[in-house]
């Protein structure tokens, strides 16, 4: 049986892009923001988050630069590139279509 925190494949990229569209932030802050906005339902594990951030960076959708976190530690801060918002738009449309289809089946 799946847990409520299991994500449909591909949704993590959408969540990361949407979170970074708000403002640049480091990885741990991305995970915390997603958890907070989902009212603690979604909890992104480091083993999923950091490979996804790396993949999005390799795809040219986000960029990273080193900075200092609130607790004075070095941290990699991620932000959207020019391609990021376009991809976010495409993924949002796909998500709306998928979630609508699933809702239709569940309600039938």
N, C-alpha and C. Protein backbone atom coordinates (compact mmCIF):
# COMPACT_ATOMS: atom_id res chain seq x y z
N UNK A 1 0.85 -1.17 0.00
CA UNK A 1 0.00 0.00 0.00
C UNK A 1 0.90 1.24 0.00
N UNK A 2 0.55 2.24 -0.82
CA UNK A 2 1.36 3.44 -0.88
C UNK A 2 1.06 4.36 0.31
N UNK A 3 2.05 5.16 0.63
CA UNK A 3 1.88 6.13 1.71
C UNK A 3 1.46 7.46 1.09
N UNK A 4 0.84 8.35 1.85
CA UNK A 4 0.43 9.64 1.30
C UNK A 4 1.60 10.47 0.79
N UNK A 5 2.80 10.18 1.26
CA UNK A 5 3.94 10.99 0.84
C UNK A 5 4.60 10.47 -0.43
N UNK A 6 4.16 9.32 -0.96
CA UNK A 6 4.71 8.83 -2.21
C UNK A 6 4.30 9.80 -3.33
N UNK A 7 5.28 10.19 -4.14
CA UNK A 7 5.00 11.12 -5.23
C UNK A 7 4.83 10.39 -6.54
N UNK A 8 3.91 10.86 -7.36
CA UNK A 8 3.79 10.35 -8.72
C UNK A 8 5.10 10.68 -9.42
N UNK A 9 5.61 9.71 -10.19
CA UNK A 9 6.89 9.90 -10.85
C UNK A 9 6.89 11.21 -11.65
N UNK A 10 7.93 12.00 -11.47
CA UNK A 10 8.07 13.25 -12.20
C UNK A 10 7.56 14.47 -11.47
N UNK A 11 6.80 14.29 -10.38
CA UNK A 11 6.25 15.46 -9.71
C UNK A 11 7.29 16.20 -8.87
N UNK A 12 8.36 15.53 -8.47
CA UNK A 12 9.38 16.19 -7.67
C UNK A 12 10.01 17.36 -8.44
N UNK A 13 10.27 17.15 -9.71
CA UNK A 13 10.83 18.24 -10.52
C UNK A 13 9.89 19.44 -10.54
N UNK A 14 8.60 19.17 -10.72
CA UNK A 14 7.61 20.24 -10.71
C UNK A 14 7.62 20.98 -9.38
N UNK A 15 7.65 20.25 -8.28
CA UNK A 15 7.64 20.87 -6.95
C UNK A 15 8.89 21.71 -6.72
N UNK A 16 10.02 21.22 -7.15
CA UNK A 16 11.27 21.98 -6.99
C UNK A 16 11.24 23.24 -7.84
N UNK A 17 10.84 23.13 -9.10
CA UNK A 17 10.78 24.31 -9.97
C UNK A 17 9.82 25.35 -9.41
N UNK A 18 8.66 24.90 -8.94
CA UNK A 18 7.67 25.84 -8.38
C UNK A 18 8.22 26.52 -7.13
N UNK A 19 8.91 25.76 -6.29
CA UNK A 19 9.47 26.32 -5.07
C UNK A 19 10.56 27.35 -5.39
N UNK A 20 11.41 27.04 -6.35
CA UNK A 20 12.48 27.97 -6.71
C UNK A 20 11.97 29.18 -7.48
N UNK A 21 10.77 29.07 -8.05
CA UNK A 21 10.17 30.23 -8.72
C UNK A 21 9.84 31.32 -7.71
N UNK A 22 9.64 30.92 -6.46
CA UNK A 22 9.34 31.90 -5.40
C UNK A 22 10.57 32.72 -5.05
N UNK A 23 11.72 32.04 -4.92
CA UNK A 23 12.98 32.71 -4.61
C UNK A 23 14.11 31.68 -4.62
N UNK A 24 15.34 32.11 -4.85
CA UNK A 24 16.47 31.19 -4.76
C UNK A 24 16.61 30.67 -3.33
N UNK A 25 16.98 29.40 -3.19
CA UNK A 25 17.19 28.84 -1.86
C UNK A 25 18.08 27.62 -1.94
N UNK A 26 18.61 27.23 -0.79
CA UNK A 26 19.46 26.05 -0.74
C UNK A 26 18.59 24.81 -0.62
N UNK A 27 19.20 23.64 -0.85
CA UNK A 27 18.46 22.39 -0.92
C UNK A 27 17.59 22.10 0.29
N UNK A 28 18.16 22.23 1.47
CA UNK A 28 17.40 21.93 2.68
C UNK A 28 16.18 22.85 2.78
N UNK A 29 16.34 24.12 2.40
CA UNK A 29 15.22 25.06 2.43
C UNK A 29 14.14 24.68 1.42
N UNK A 30 14.55 24.14 0.27
CA UNK A 30 13.58 23.67 -0.73
C UNK A 30 12.71 22.58 -0.10
N UNK A 31 13.36 21.60 0.51
CA UNK A 31 12.63 20.49 1.14
C UNK A 31 11.70 21.00 2.23
N UNK A 32 12.17 21.93 3.05
CA UNK A 32 11.36 22.47 4.13
C UNK A 32 10.17 23.26 3.60
N UNK A 33 10.38 24.01 2.53
CA UNK A 33 9.30 24.81 1.94
C UNK A 33 8.20 23.91 1.39
N UNK A 34 8.60 22.84 0.69
CA UNK A 34 7.62 21.89 0.15
C UNK A 34 6.84 21.25 1.29
N UNK A 35 7.53 20.87 2.33
CA UNK A 35 6.88 20.25 3.48
C UNK A 35 5.90 21.23 4.12
N UNK A 36 6.32 22.47 4.28
CA UNK A 36 5.47 23.50 4.90
C UNK A 36 4.24 23.79 4.05
N UNK A 37 4.45 24.02 2.75
CA UNK A 37 3.33 24.36 1.87
C UNK A 37 2.34 23.21 1.71
N UNK A 38 2.82 21.98 1.87
CA UNK A 38 1.93 20.82 1.76
C UNK A 38 1.29 20.47 3.10
N UNK A 39 1.47 21.34 4.08
CA UNK A 39 0.94 21.11 5.43
C UNK A 39 1.46 19.79 6.00
N UNK A 40 2.77 19.58 5.79
CA UNK A 40 3.50 18.43 6.34
C UNK A 40 3.16 17.09 5.68
N UNK A 41 2.38 17.09 4.59
CA UNK A 41 2.04 15.84 3.92
C UNK A 41 3.22 15.32 3.11
N UNK A 42 3.89 16.22 2.39
CA UNK A 42 5.02 15.82 1.56
C UNK A 42 6.32 16.06 2.31
N UNK A 43 7.12 15.02 2.41
CA UNK A 43 8.43 15.11 3.05
C UNK A 43 9.45 14.57 2.06
N UNK A 44 10.26 15.45 1.52
CA UNK A 44 11.23 15.08 0.50
C UNK A 44 12.52 14.65 1.18
N UNK A 45 12.92 13.42 0.91
CA UNK A 45 14.14 12.89 1.50
C UNK A 45 15.36 13.39 0.71
N UNK A 46 16.48 13.55 1.41
CA UNK A 46 17.71 14.02 0.76
C UNK A 46 18.13 13.12 -0.40
N UNK A 47 17.89 11.81 -0.25
CA UNK A 47 18.25 10.87 -1.30
C UNK A 47 17.46 11.06 -2.58
N UNK A 48 16.34 11.75 -2.52
CA UNK A 48 15.55 12.09 -3.71
C UNK A 48 15.81 13.53 -4.13
N UNK A 49 15.93 14.42 -3.15
CA UNK A 49 16.05 15.85 -3.45
C UNK A 49 17.33 16.19 -4.20
N UNK A 50 18.47 15.79 -3.67
CA UNK A 50 19.73 16.23 -4.25
C UNK A 50 20.00 15.65 -5.64
N UNK A 51 19.64 14.39 -5.91
CA UNK A 51 19.76 13.92 -7.30
C UNK A 51 18.84 14.71 -8.25
N UNK A 52 17.65 15.07 -7.78
CA UNK A 52 16.72 15.85 -8.61
C UNK A 52 17.29 17.24 -8.88
N UNK A 53 17.86 17.88 -7.86
CA UNK A 53 18.48 19.20 -8.06
C UNK A 53 19.62 19.10 -9.06
N UNK A 54 20.44 18.08 -8.91
CA UNK A 54 21.57 17.88 -9.84
C UNK A 54 21.06 17.66 -11.26
N UNK A 55 20.03 16.84 -11.41
CA UNK A 55 19.46 16.57 -12.74
C UNK A 55 18.91 17.85 -13.37
N UNK A 56 18.17 18.64 -12.59
CA UNK A 56 17.62 19.89 -13.11
C UNK A 56 18.73 20.87 -13.50
N UNK A 57 19.81 20.85 -12.74
CA UNK A 57 20.96 21.71 -13.06
C UNK A 57 21.61 21.24 -14.36
N UNK A 58 21.78 19.93 -14.53
CA UNK A 58 22.36 19.38 -15.75
C UNK A 58 21.48 19.68 -16.97
N UNK A 59 20.18 19.76 -16.77
CA UNK A 59 19.25 20.06 -17.86
C UNK A 59 19.19 21.55 -18.17
N UNK A 60 19.88 22.37 -17.37
CA UNK A 60 19.89 23.81 -17.60
C UNK A 60 18.65 24.53 -17.14
N UNK A 61 17.87 23.90 -16.26
CA UNK A 61 16.64 24.52 -15.76
C UNK A 61 16.85 25.31 -14.49
N UNK A 62 17.87 24.93 -13.72
CA UNK A 62 18.25 25.68 -12.53
C UNK A 62 19.76 25.88 -12.55
N UNK A 63 20.21 26.84 -11.78
CA UNK A 63 21.65 27.08 -11.63
C UNK A 63 21.95 27.17 -10.15
N UNK A 64 23.21 26.95 -9.82
CA UNK A 64 23.59 26.95 -8.40
C UNK A 64 24.81 27.83 -8.20
N UNK A 65 24.85 28.46 -7.05
CA UNK A 65 26.05 29.18 -6.65
C UNK A 65 26.19 29.07 -5.14
N UNK A 66 27.42 29.09 -4.69
CA UNK A 66 27.69 28.94 -3.27
C UNK A 66 27.41 30.23 -2.54
N UNK A 67 26.84 30.10 -1.36
CA UNK A 67 26.56 31.24 -0.52
C UNK A 67 26.60 30.80 0.94
N UNK A 68 26.16 31.69 1.80
CA UNK A 68 26.14 31.40 3.23
C UNK A 68 24.70 31.29 3.71
N UNK A 69 24.40 30.23 4.44
CA UNK A 69 23.05 30.02 4.94
C UNK A 69 22.81 30.87 6.18
N UNK A 70 21.58 30.82 6.69
CA UNK A 70 21.20 31.60 7.87
C UNK A 70 22.05 31.25 9.09
N UNK A 71 22.53 30.00 9.14
CA UNK A 71 23.35 29.60 10.29
C UNK A 71 24.85 29.67 9.98
N UNK A 72 25.21 30.55 9.03
CA UNK A 72 26.61 30.83 8.67
C UNK A 72 27.38 29.63 8.14
N UNK A 73 26.70 28.74 7.45
CA UNK A 73 27.36 27.60 6.80
C UNK A 73 27.33 27.80 5.29
N UNK A 74 28.34 27.26 4.63
CA UNK A 74 28.34 27.30 3.17
C UNK A 74 27.22 26.43 2.64
N UNK A 75 26.50 26.94 1.69
CA UNK A 75 25.40 26.19 1.10
C UNK A 75 25.28 26.55 -0.37
N UNK A 76 24.83 25.61 -1.16
CA UNK A 76 24.60 25.83 -2.58
C UNK A 76 23.19 26.37 -2.74
N UNK A 77 23.08 27.56 -3.30
CA UNK A 77 21.78 28.19 -3.53
C UNK A 77 21.36 27.97 -4.97
N UNK A 78 20.13 27.53 -5.14
CA UNK A 78 19.61 27.21 -6.47
C UNK A 78 18.61 28.26 -6.89
N UNK A 79 18.61 28.56 -8.18
CA UNK A 79 17.63 29.48 -8.75
C UNK A 79 17.29 29.02 -10.16
N UNK A 80 16.17 29.49 -10.68
CA UNK A 80 15.76 29.13 -12.03
C UNK A 80 16.62 29.84 -13.06
N UNK A 81 16.90 29.16 -14.16
CA UNK A 81 17.54 29.80 -15.30
C UNK A 81 16.43 30.38 -16.18
N UNK A 82 16.77 30.94 -17.32
CA UNK A 82 15.74 31.46 -18.22
C UNK A 82 14.82 30.36 -18.73
N UNK A 83 15.35 29.15 -18.84
CA UNK A 83 14.53 28.01 -19.31
C UNK A 83 13.61 27.46 -18.22
N UNK A 84 13.94 27.74 -16.96
CA UNK A 84 13.19 27.18 -15.84
C UNK A 84 11.71 27.52 -15.84
N UNK A 85 11.33 28.79 -15.97
CA UNK A 85 9.90 29.13 -15.94
C UNK A 85 9.11 28.50 -17.09
N UNK A 86 9.73 28.38 -18.27
CA UNK A 86 9.03 27.73 -19.39
C UNK A 86 8.75 26.27 -19.08
N UNK A 87 9.77 25.58 -18.52
CA UNK A 87 9.59 24.18 -18.17
C UNK A 87 8.56 24.04 -17.04
N UNK A 88 8.59 24.96 -16.09
CA UNK A 88 7.60 24.95 -15.01
C UNK A 88 6.19 25.06 -15.59
N UNK A 89 6.00 25.91 -16.56
CA UNK A 89 4.70 26.06 -17.21
C UNK A 89 4.26 24.77 -17.88
N UNK A 90 5.18 24.14 -18.61
CA UNK A 90 4.85 22.87 -19.28
C UNK A 90 4.50 21.78 -18.27
N UNK A 91 5.32 21.68 -17.23
CA UNK A 91 5.07 20.64 -16.22
C UNK A 91 3.78 20.90 -15.45
N UNK A 92 3.45 22.17 -15.23
CA UNK A 92 2.20 22.51 -14.54
C UNK A 92 0.99 22.08 -15.37
N UNK A 93 1.05 22.34 -16.66
CA UNK A 93 -0.04 21.94 -17.56
C UNK A 93 -0.19 20.42 -17.56
N UNK A 94 0.93 19.71 -17.66
CA UNK A 94 0.89 18.25 -17.63
C UNK A 94 0.31 17.73 -16.32
N UNK A 95 0.72 18.36 -15.21
CA UNK A 95 0.21 17.93 -13.90
C UNK A 95 -1.30 18.15 -13.80
N UNK A 96 -1.78 19.28 -14.26
CA UNK A 96 -3.22 19.56 -14.22
C UNK A 96 -3.98 18.51 -15.02
N UNK A 97 -3.46 18.16 -16.19
CA UNK A 97 -4.12 17.16 -17.03
C UNK A 97 -4.12 15.79 -16.34
N UNK A 98 -2.99 15.39 -15.77
CA UNK A 98 -2.87 14.10 -15.10
C UNK A 98 -3.75 14.04 -13.85
N UNK A 99 -3.70 15.08 -13.02
CA UNK A 99 -4.47 15.06 -11.78
C UNK A 99 -5.97 15.10 -12.07
N UNK A 100 -6.37 15.77 -13.15
CA UNK A 100 -7.77 15.78 -13.55
C UNK A 100 -8.23 14.40 -13.98
N UNK A 101 -7.39 13.72 -14.73
CA UNK A 101 -7.72 12.36 -15.19
C UNK A 101 -7.83 11.40 -14.02
N UNK A 102 -6.90 11.49 -13.08
CA UNK A 102 -6.94 10.62 -11.91
C UNK A 102 -8.18 10.92 -11.06
N UNK A 103 -8.48 12.20 -10.88
CA UNK A 103 -9.68 12.58 -10.11
C UNK A 103 -10.94 12.03 -10.76
N UNK A 104 -11.02 12.08 -12.08
CA UNK A 104 -12.19 11.58 -12.78
C UNK A 104 -12.38 10.09 -12.53
N UNK A 105 -11.28 9.35 -12.52
CA UNK A 105 -11.36 7.91 -12.29
C UNK A 105 -11.76 7.62 -10.84
N UNK A 106 -11.15 8.33 -9.89
CA UNK A 106 -11.42 8.09 -8.48
C UNK A 106 -12.87 8.43 -8.15
N UNK A 107 -13.41 9.45 -8.76
CA UNK A 107 -14.78 9.88 -8.47
C UNK A 107 -15.84 9.05 -9.19
N UNK A 108 -15.43 8.28 -10.17
CA UNK A 108 -16.40 7.49 -10.99
C UNK A 108 -17.02 6.37 -10.18
